[in-house]
Each structure stands twice: as C-alpha cells, then as structure tokens.
C-alpha cells in the first residue's frame, strides 16, 4: 500500500504572550492510499490542528509533511496551494455553505472561485448531488435543508475537484445519531466505490473502531490503537 501523506516529527506551538503552548510534540503519522484512518483524542489535544497541517491549511513549527514522497517544506506556496486545491477535499463539523446560494451552486463554488465557467461545471454538480442522495433537492438553499442534507452538500462539494484525499473534522458532530450514521455510511461507501482515502477526526471511539486504522492523540503524540 503506497503512502499518500507522511508526517515526520510534527511540532506545532502557539505563543500566548511570553508563554509557549506546544500542542503537537513530535507526531509521526502515515496515511496510506485508499484507507480510512481515524484520529481520536480528548478535546484540546490537537486533533483539528493536526488535520489542518495535513491539509496544508497551516504549517508546522517543526517537522515536515510529505505528499506522495515530496516534502511540502521544500515547495513554494503556489505548489502547496495547487496540491490542496487539486488533491484534498475538506468536510467540517459546521457545513460552511453559503446561505444565499442553492445546493447546486454551493457544490460548484470551489471551481467557480478558480475561474471555471458555470456551464462547464453543471454536469459534475448534478452527478455528485445525485450520488449523495440529493438529486431532488438541488435547487434548495441551505436554510431549506436539514442538517444531514447540508452535510451531504458539503461532502459533494469536497468531492468536486476529484481529490485523492478527504479530510473530515468531526463530520457528524453537529448531527443527531441517525443522521450521523447516514453521513458515515455515505463516506464509507465513497471510500469503497471511489477508492477515496479518508482521514476522519472524531471523539467517538465506536466510530474509530470501524476505520481501517485508528490513531489516538495523547499529550501531543500519536499512538496507534488499531493497525
């Protein structure tokens, strides 16, 4: 199994006045192609921080991240941005949909922001919204959709540019149990059918046990719970 992402001795610190807050203290982590990797840990341990580093939304204080064997630290900002835009999709606990736009428009938004024409994107948007079970809800705005439906729109949006990795930060944390199960079923199905690599951050250890691998963050370090 090939490595998609490799984290080498990641350290992330923040400063509060003269005080240094060291969140991650030397995390080593590998994300393999096509797997479901679940990361757990108590609140405040640095799960979201680690996910943001993996997704190139932030940079480590020390250490390095390799994407398909190439160091991100050695890349220019434009090259890193290209990897994030083309290879990585994000799903968050809060859906971050634009309220004035329909589901159809929200799904296309990342590509529209990069200058693609609306007409060239419509077929892909219809395909994805149908795939996530919203073929009849495409013209609805977020305020007309349930929480689960909004999260399905967010999943479709994350898939739009055909990324090789989906990073999901507490994707069911804002949903009731039954709706959350539906979102997880969708993610698992996409993993199997699309060979989509998934990295999921959660506090739910029952969910973690269902992944291919389970890593637990404790005191700034990553400990394997399940291989």
C-alpha atoms as a PDB file:
ATOM      1  CA  UNK A   1       0.000   0.000   0.000  1.00  0.00           C
ATOM      2  CA  UNK A   2       1.523   3.324  -1.058  1.00  0.00           C
ATOM      3  CA  UNK A   3       1.849   6.339   1.227  1.00  0.00           C
ATOM      4  CA  UNK A   4      -0.162   9.412   0.280  1.00  0.00           C
ATOM      5  CA  UNK A   5       0.845  11.569   3.250  1.00  0.00           C
ATOM      6  CA  UNK A   6       3.660  11.142   5.729  1.00  0.00           C
ATOM      7  CA  UNK A   7       4.067  13.336   8.816  1.00  0.00           C
ATOM      8  CA  UNK A   8       7.566  13.377  10.265  1.00  0.00           C
ATOM      9  CA  UNK A   9       8.042  14.561  13.850  1.00  0.00           C
ATOM     10  CA  UNK A  10       5.450  17.338  13.591  1.00  0.00           C
ATOM     11  CA  UNK A  11       5.578  20.008  16.259  1.00  0.00           C
ATOM     12  CA  UNK A  12       3.044  22.822  16.473  1.00  0.00           C
ATOM     13  CA  UNK A  13       3.389  25.610  19.002  1.00  0.00           C
ATOM     14  CA  UNK A  14       1.499  28.819  19.655  1.00  0.00           C
ATOM     15  CA  UNK A  15       2.530  31.762  21.776  1.00  0.00           C
ATOM     16  CA  UNK A  16       0.366  33.425  24.409  1.00  0.00           C
ATOM     17  CA  UNK A  17       2.420  36.432  25.371  1.00  0.00           C
ATOM     18  CA  UNK A  18       5.687  35.041  26.709  1.00  0.00           C
ATOM     19  CA  UNK A  19       4.235  31.556  27.157  1.00  0.00           C
ATOM     20  CA  UNK A  20       4.690  28.845  24.541  1.00  0.00           C
ATOM     21  CA  UNK A  21       1.785  26.428  24.090  1.00  0.00           C
ATOM     22  CA  UNK A  22       3.092  23.250  22.460  1.00  0.00           C
ATOM     23  CA  UNK A  23       0.065  21.429  21.017  1.00  0.00           C
ATOM     24  CA  UNK A  24       1.817  18.734  18.975  1.00  0.00           C
ATOM     25  CA  UNK A  25       5.110  17.431  20.330  1.00  0.00           C
ATOM     26  CA  UNK A  26       6.538  15.248  17.581  1.00  0.00           C
ATOM     27  CA  UNK A  27       3.778  13.448  15.704  1.00  0.00           C
ATOM     28  CA  UNK A  28       4.758  10.716  13.254  1.00  0.00           C
ATOM     29  CA  UNK A  29       1.890   9.552  11.048  1.00  0.00           C
ATOM     30  CA  UNK A  30       1.385   7.821   7.704  1.00  0.00           C
ATOM     31  CA  UNK A  31      -1.781   7.979   5.586  1.00  0.00           C
ATOM     32  CA  UNK A  32      -1.947   5.113   3.101  1.00  0.00           C
ATOM     33  CA  UNK A  33      -3.722   5.267  -0.226  1.00  0.00           C
ATOM     34  CA  UNK A  34      -7.341   4.103  -0.129  1.00  0.00           C
ATOM     35  CA  UNK A  35      -7.590   3.605   3.626  1.00  0.00           C
ATOM     36  CA  UNK A  36      -9.873   5.046   6.292  1.00  0.00           C
ATOM     37  CA  UNK A  37      -7.673   6.479   9.050  1.00  0.00           C
ATOM     38  CA  UNK A  38      -9.456   7.723  12.164  1.00  0.00           C
ATOM     39  CA  UNK A  39      -7.814  10.098  14.661  1.00  0.00           C
ATOM     40  CA  UNK A  40      -9.225  10.408  18.188  1.00  0.00           C
ATOM     41  CA  UNK A  41      -8.257  12.176  21.392  1.00  0.00           C
ATOM     42  CA  UNK A  42      -9.705  14.386  24.114  1.00  0.00           C
ATOM     43  CA  UNK A  43     -10.864  17.922  23.427  1.00  0.00           C
ATOM     44  CA  UNK A  44      -7.965  20.341  23.019  1.00  0.00           C
ATOM     45  CA  UNK A  45      -5.358  17.666  22.312  1.00  0.00           C
ATOM     46  CA  UNK A  46      -4.659  18.936  18.796  1.00  0.00           C
ATOM     47  CA  UNK A  47      -6.772  16.728  16.503  1.00  0.00           C
ATOM     48  CA  UNK A  48      -8.016  19.607  14.368  1.00  0.00           C
ATOM     49  CA  UNK A  49      -4.573  21.205  14.440  1.00  0.00           C
ATOM     50  CA  UNK A  50      -3.076  18.017  13.019  1.00  0.00           C
ATOM     51  CA  UNK A  51      -5.773  17.806  10.339  1.00  0.00           C
ATOM     52  CA  UNK A  52      -5.118  21.411   9.317  1.00  0.00           C
ATOM     53  CA  UNK A  53      -1.405  20.655   8.983  1.00  0.00           C
ATOM     54  CA  UNK A  54      -2.101  17.554   6.885  1.00  0.00           C
ATOM     55  CA  UNK A  55      -4.443  19.617   4.701  1.00  0.00           C
ATOM     56  CA  UNK A  56      -1.850  22.402   4.232  1.00  0.00           C
ATOM     57  CA  UNK A  57      -4.163  24.939   5.875  1.00  0.00           C
ATOM     58  CA  UNK A  58      -1.361  25.610   8.369  1.00  0.00           C
ATOM     59  CA  UNK A  59       2.364  24.916   8.615  1.00  0.00           C
ATOM     60  CA  UNK A  60       4.214  23.033  11.390  1.00  0.00           C
ATOM     61  CA  UNK A  61       6.552  24.789  13.784  1.00  0.00           C
ATOM     62  CA  UNK A  62       8.974  21.905  13.319  1.00  0.00           C
ATOM     63  CA  UNK A  63       8.986  18.708  11.290  1.00  0.00           C
ATOM     64  CA  UNK A  64       7.877  18.002   7.762  1.00  0.00           C
ATOM     65  CA  UNK A  65       4.951  16.623   5.740  1.00  0.00           C
ATOM     66  CA  UNK A  66       5.494  14.626   2.569  1.00  0.00           C
ATOM     67  CA  UNK A  67       2.797  14.326  -0.071  1.00  0.00           C
ATOM     68  CA  UNK A  68       3.424  11.286  -2.253  1.00  0.00           C
ATOM     69  CA  UNK A  69       7.029  11.337  -1.124  1.00  0.00           C
ATOM     70  CA  UNK A  70       7.684  15.020  -1.835  1.00  0.00           C
ATOM     71  CA  UNK A  71       8.428  17.411   1.029  1.00  0.00           C
ATOM     72  CA  UNK A  72       5.945  20.254   1.406  1.00  0.00           C
ATOM     73  CA  UNK A  73       8.596  22.253   3.232  1.00  0.00           C
ATOM     74  CA  UNK A  74      10.632  22.326   0.038  1.00  0.00           C
ATOM     75  CA  UNK A  75       7.757  23.576  -2.107  1.00  0.00           C
ATOM     76  CA  UNK A  76       6.762  27.118  -2.928  1.00  0.00           C
ATOM     77  CA  UNK A  77       3.414  28.398  -1.732  1.00  0.00           C
ATOM     78  CA  UNK A  78       1.864  28.134  -5.197  1.00  0.00           C
ATOM     79  CA  UNK A  79       2.771  24.439  -5.435  1.00  0.00           C
ATOM     80  CA  UNK A  80       1.350  23.738  -1.968  1.00  0.00           C
ATOM     81  CA  UNK A  81      -1.856  25.573  -2.860  1.00  0.00           C
ATOM     82  CA  UNK A  82      -2.126  23.501  -6.014  1.00  0.00           C
ATOM     83  CA  UNK A  83      -1.913  20.266  -4.007  1.00  0.00           C
ATOM     84  CA  UNK A  84      -4.599  21.498  -1.609  1.00  0.00           C
ATOM     85  CA  UNK A  85      -6.929  22.595  -4.408  1.00  0.00           C
ATOM     86  CA  UNK A  86      -6.481  19.537  -6.600  1.00  0.00           C
ATOM     87  CA  UNK A  87      -5.753  16.668  -4.208  1.00  0.00           C
ATOM     88  CA  UNK A  88      -7.515  17.413  -0.915  1.00  0.00           C
ATOM     89  CA  UNK A  89     -11.187  17.823  -0.049  1.00  0.00           C
ATOM     90  CA  UNK A  90     -12.449  19.071   3.325  1.00  0.00           C
ATOM     91  CA  UNK A  91     -15.576  18.232   5.307  1.00  0.00           C
ATOM     92  CA  UNK A  92     -16.082  20.080   8.598  1.00  0.00           C
ATOM     93  CA  UNK A  93     -18.453  19.762  11.556  1.00  0.00           C
ATOM     94  CA  UNK A  94     -20.125  23.010  10.514  1.00  0.00           C
ATOM     95  CA  UNK A  95     -21.056  22.892   6.863  1.00  0.00           C
ATOM     96  CA  UNK A  96     -19.810  26.335   5.752  1.00  0.00           C
ATOM     97  CA  UNK A  97     -22.402  26.566   2.988  1.00  0.00           C
ATOM     98  CA  UNK A  98     -23.196  29.972   1.523  1.00  0.00           C
ATOM     99  CA  UNK A  99     -26.801  30.681   2.580  1.00  0.00           C
ATOM    100  CA  UNK A 100     -27.735  32.775  -0.449  1.00  0.00           C
ATOM    101  CA  UNK A 101     -26.850  30.019  -2.930  1.00  0.00           C
ATOM    102  CA  UNK A 102     -28.598  26.746  -3.762  1.00  0.00           C
ATOM    103  CA  UNK A 103     -27.140  23.299  -3.081  1.00  0.00           C
ATOM    104  CA  UNK A 104     -26.299  23.125  -6.781  1.00  0.00           C
ATOM    105  CA  UNK A 105     -24.385  26.428  -6.636  1.00  0.00           C
ATOM    106  CA  UNK A 106     -22.641  25.621  -3.346  1.00  0.00           C
ATOM    107  CA  UNK A 107     -21.240  22.395  -4.763  1.00  0.00           C
ATOM    108  CA  UNK A 108     -19.759  24.233  -7.745  1.00  0.00           C
ATOM    109  CA  UNK A 109     -18.381  27.115  -5.671  1.00  0.00           C
ATOM    110  CA  UNK A 110     -14.732  25.942  -5.298  1.00  0.00           C
ATOM    111  CA  UNK A 111     -14.362  25.575  -9.065  1.00  0.00           C
ATOM    112  CA  UNK A 112     -16.253  28.809  -9.765  1.00  0.00           C
ATOM    113  CA  UNK A 113     -13.857  30.641  -7.448  1.00  0.00           C
ATOM    114  CA  UNK A 114     -10.970  29.363  -9.567  1.00  0.00           C
ATOM    115  CA  UNK A 115     -12.448  30.811 -12.755  1.00  0.00           C
ATOM    116  CA  UNK A 116     -14.252  27.839 -14.303  1.00  0.00           C
ATOM    117  CA  UNK A 117     -17.442  28.612 -16.203  1.00  0.00           C
ATOM    118  CA  UNK A 118     -20.748  27.601 -14.668  1.00  0.00           C
ATOM    119  CA  UNK A 119     -21.835  25.757 -17.816  1.00  0.00           C
ATOM    120  CA  UNK A 120     -18.757  23.512 -17.710  1.00  0.00           C
ATOM    121  CA  UNK A 121     -19.460  22.512 -14.095  1.00  0.00           C
ATOM    122  CA  UNK A 122     -23.168  21.727 -14.161  1.00  0.00           C
ATOM    123  CA  UNK A 123     -22.905  18.082 -15.204  1.00  0.00           C
ATOM    124  CA  UNK A 124     -20.432  17.312 -12.413  1.00  0.00           C
ATOM    125  CA  UNK A 125     -22.615  19.087  -9.832  1.00  0.00           C
ATOM    126  CA  UNK A 126     -25.699  17.089 -10.868  1.00  0.00           C
ATOM    127  CA  UNK A 127     -23.679  13.847 -10.778  1.00  0.00           C
ATOM    128  CA  UNK A 128     -22.370  14.471  -7.249  1.00  0.00           C
ATOM    129  CA  UNK A 129     -25.621  15.688  -5.726  1.00  0.00           C
ATOM    130  CA  UNK A 130     -27.343  12.634  -7.153  1.00  0.00           C
ATOM    131  CA  UNK A 131     -24.587  10.407  -5.758  1.00  0.00           C
ATOM    132  CA  UNK A 132     -25.074  11.788  -2.229  1.00  0.00           C
ATOM    133  CA  UNK A 133     -28.845  11.392  -2.456  1.00  0.00           C
ATOM    134  CA  UNK A 134     -29.880  14.981  -3.146  1.00  0.00           C
ATOM    135  CA  UNK A 135     -30.957  14.734  -6.766  1.00  0.00           C
ATOM    136  CA  UNK A 136     -34.375  16.157  -5.838  1.00  0.00           C
ATOM    137  CA  UNK A 137     -33.039  18.928  -3.585  1.00  0.00           C
ATOM    138  CA  UNK A 138     -30.518  20.671  -5.830  1.00  0.00           C
ATOM    139  CA  UNK A 139     -32.405  23.969  -6.082  1.00  0.00           C
ATOM    140  CA  UNK A 140     -32.928  24.297  -2.320  1.00  0.00           C
ATOM    141  CA  UNK A 141     -30.892  26.783  -0.312  1.00  0.00           C
ATOM    142  CA  UNK A 142     -29.172  25.696   2.949  1.00  0.00           C
ATOM    143  CA  UNK A 143     -31.961  27.147   5.085  1.00  0.00           C
ATOM    144  CA  UNK A 144     -34.409  24.800   3.338  1.00  0.00           C
ATOM    145  CA  UNK A 145     -32.279  21.700   4.017  1.00  0.00           C
ATOM    146  CA  UNK A 146     -31.905  19.579   7.138  1.00  0.00           C
ATOM    147  CA  UNK A 147     -28.544  19.291   8.897  1.00  0.00           C
ATOM    148  CA  UNK A 148     -27.889  15.932   7.291  1.00  0.00           C
ATOM    149  CA  UNK A 149     -28.759  17.267   3.851  1.00  0.00           C
ATOM    150  CA  UNK A 150     -26.448  20.246   4.345  1.00  0.00           C
ATOM    151  CA  UNK A 151     -23.620  17.912   5.300  1.00  0.00           C
ATOM    152  CA  UNK A 152     -24.286  15.860   2.152  1.00  0.00           C
ATOM    153  CA  UNK A 153     -23.935  19.052   0.116  1.00  0.00           C
ATOM    154  CA  UNK A 154     -20.631  19.680   1.917  1.00  0.00           C
ATOM    155  CA  UNK A 155     -19.454  16.161   1.040  1.00  0.00           C
ATOM    156  CA  UNK A 156     -20.409  16.679  -2.620  1.00  0.00           C
ATOM    157  CA  UNK A 157     -18.539  19.991  -2.614  1.00  0.00           C
ATOM    158  CA  UNK A 158     -15.451  18.299  -1.142  1.00  0.00           C
ATOM    159  CA  UNK A 159     -15.549  15.742  -3.970  1.00  0.00           C
ATOM    160  CA  UNK A 160     -15.994  18.250  -6.772  1.00  0.00           C
ATOM    161  CA  UNK A 161     -12.361  18.545  -7.875  1.00  0.00           C
ATOM    162  CA  UNK A 162     -11.883  14.751  -7.644  1.00  0.00           C
ATOM    163  CA  UNK A 163      -9.414  14.866  -4.727  1.00  0.00           C
ATOM    164  CA  UNK A 164      -7.403  11.828  -3.753  1.00  0.00           C
ATOM    165  CA  UNK A 165      -7.838  12.519  -0.010  1.00  0.00           C
ATOM    166  CA  UNK A 166     -10.848  13.668   2.008  1.00  0.00           C
ATOM    167  CA  UNK A 167     -10.152  15.202   5.436  1.00  0.00           C
ATOM    168  CA  UNK A 168     -13.211  15.200   7.703  1.00  0.00           C
ATOM    169  CA  UNK A 169     -13.194  17.061  11.036  1.00  0.00           C
ATOM    170  CA  UNK A 170     -15.990  15.768  13.306  1.00  0.00           C
ATOM    171  CA  UNK A 171     -18.286  15.332  10.262  1.00  0.00           C
ATOM    172  CA  UNK A 172     -21.171  14.037  12.407  1.00  0.00           C
ATOM    173  CA  UNK A 173     -20.572  16.230  15.459  1.00  0.00           C
ATOM    174  CA  UNK A 174     -23.454  18.589  14.654  1.00  0.00           C
ATOM    175  CA  UNK A 175     -25.948  15.852  13.729  1.00  0.00           C
ATOM    176  CA  UNK A 176     -28.255  13.512  15.610  1.00  0.00           C
ATOM    177  CA  UNK A 177     -27.222   9.867  15.817  1.00  0.00           C
ATOM    178  CA  UNK A 178     -29.366   8.534  12.982  1.00  0.00           C
ATOM    179  CA  UNK A 179     -28.430  11.342  10.592  1.00  0.00           C
ATOM    180  CA  UNK A 180     -24.773  10.991  11.535  1.00  0.00           C
ATOM    181  CA  UNK A 181     -24.881   7.293  10.713  1.00  0.00           C
ATOM    182  CA  UNK A 182     -26.199   8.186   7.264  1.00  0.00           C
ATOM    183  CA  UNK A 183     -23.260  10.537   6.644  1.00  0.00           C
ATOM    184  CA  UNK A 184     -20.776   7.887   7.797  1.00  0.00           C
ATOM    185  CA  UNK A 185     -22.398   5.280   5.556  1.00  0.00           C
ATOM    186  CA  UNK A 186     -22.000   7.729   2.666  1.00  0.00           C
ATOM    187  CA  UNK A 187     -18.298   8.331   3.435  1.00  0.00           C
ATOM    188  CA  UNK A 188     -17.597   4.606   3.801  1.00  0.00           C
ATOM    189  CA  UNK A 189     -19.405   3.908   0.526  1.00  0.00           C
ATOM    190  CA  UNK A 190     -17.369   6.564  -1.270  1.00  0.00           C
ATOM    191  CA  UNK A 191     -14.184   5.088   0.151  1.00  0.00           C
ATOM    192  CA  UNK A 192     -15.045   1.667  -1.251  1.00  0.00           C
ATOM    193  CA  UNK A 193     -16.501   2.730  -4.605  1.00  0.00           C
ATOM    194  CA  UNK A 194     -14.145   5.612  -5.425  1.00  0.00           C
ATOM    195  CA  UNK A 195     -11.029   4.270  -3.618  1.00  0.00           C
ATOM    196  CA  UNK A 196     -11.149   7.574  -1.736  1.00  0.00           C
ATOM    197  CA  UNK A 197      -8.604   7.978   1.072  1.00  0.00           C
ATOM    198  CA  UNK A 198     -10.335   9.251   4.221  1.00  0.00           C
ATOM    199  CA  UNK A 199      -8.830  10.845   7.325  1.00  0.00           C
ATOM    200  CA  UNK A 200     -11.508  11.414   9.957  1.00  0.00           C
ATOM    201  CA  UNK A 201     -11.100  13.278  13.239  1.00  0.00           C
ATOM    202  CA  UNK A 202     -13.641  12.325  15.903  1.00  0.00           C
ATOM    203  CA  UNK A 203     -14.136  11.975  19.643  1.00  0.00           C
ATOM    204  CA  UNK A 204     -16.269   8.876  19.006  1.00  0.00           C
ATOM    205  CA  UNK A 205     -14.231   5.729  19.700  1.00  0.00           C
ATOM    206  CA  UNK A 206     -17.038   3.498  18.392  1.00  0.00           C
ATOM    207  CA  UNK A 207     -16.604   5.190  15.026  1.00  0.00           C
ATOM    208  CA  UNK A 208     -12.825   4.921  15.309  1.00  0.00           C
ATOM    209  CA  UNK A 209     -13.027   1.160  15.699  1.00  0.00           C
ATOM    210  CA  UNK A 210     -14.732   0.937  12.287  1.00  0.00           C
ATOM    211  CA  UNK A 211     -11.802   2.509  10.446  1.00  0.00           C
ATOM    212  CA  UNK A 212      -9.004   0.602   8.770  1.00  0.00           C
ATOM    213  CA  UNK A 213      -6.570   2.200  11.210  1.00  0.00           C
ATOM    214  CA  UNK A 214      -7.058   4.136  14.441  1.00  0.00           C
ATOM    215  CA  UNK A 215      -4.586   6.639  15.896  1.00  0.00           C
ATOM    216  CA  UNK A 216      -5.110   8.268  19.303  1.00  0.00           C
ATOM    217  CA  UNK A 217      -3.540  11.615  20.192  1.00  0.00           C
ATOM    218  CA  UNK A 218      -2.345  11.941  23.768  1.00  0.00           C
ATOM    219  CA  UNK A 219      -0.077  14.622  25.222  1.00  0.00           C
ATOM    220  CA  UNK A 220       0.878  15.811  21.761  1.00  0.00           C
ATOM    221  CA  UNK A 221       1.912  12.425  20.383  1.00  0.00           C
ATOM    222  CA  UNK A 222       0.187   9.863  18.148  1.00  0.00           C
ATOM    223  CA  UNK A 223      -0.378   6.348  19.486  1.00  0.00           C
ATOM    224  CA  UNK A 224      -1.661   3.513  17.291  1.00  0.00           C
ATOM    225  CA  UNK A 225      -4.792   1.824  18.614  1.00  0.00           C
ATOM    226  CA  UNK A 226      -5.571  -0.328  15.574  1.00  0.00           C
ATOM    227  CA  UNK A 227      -3.472  -1.345  12.592  1.00  0.00           C
END
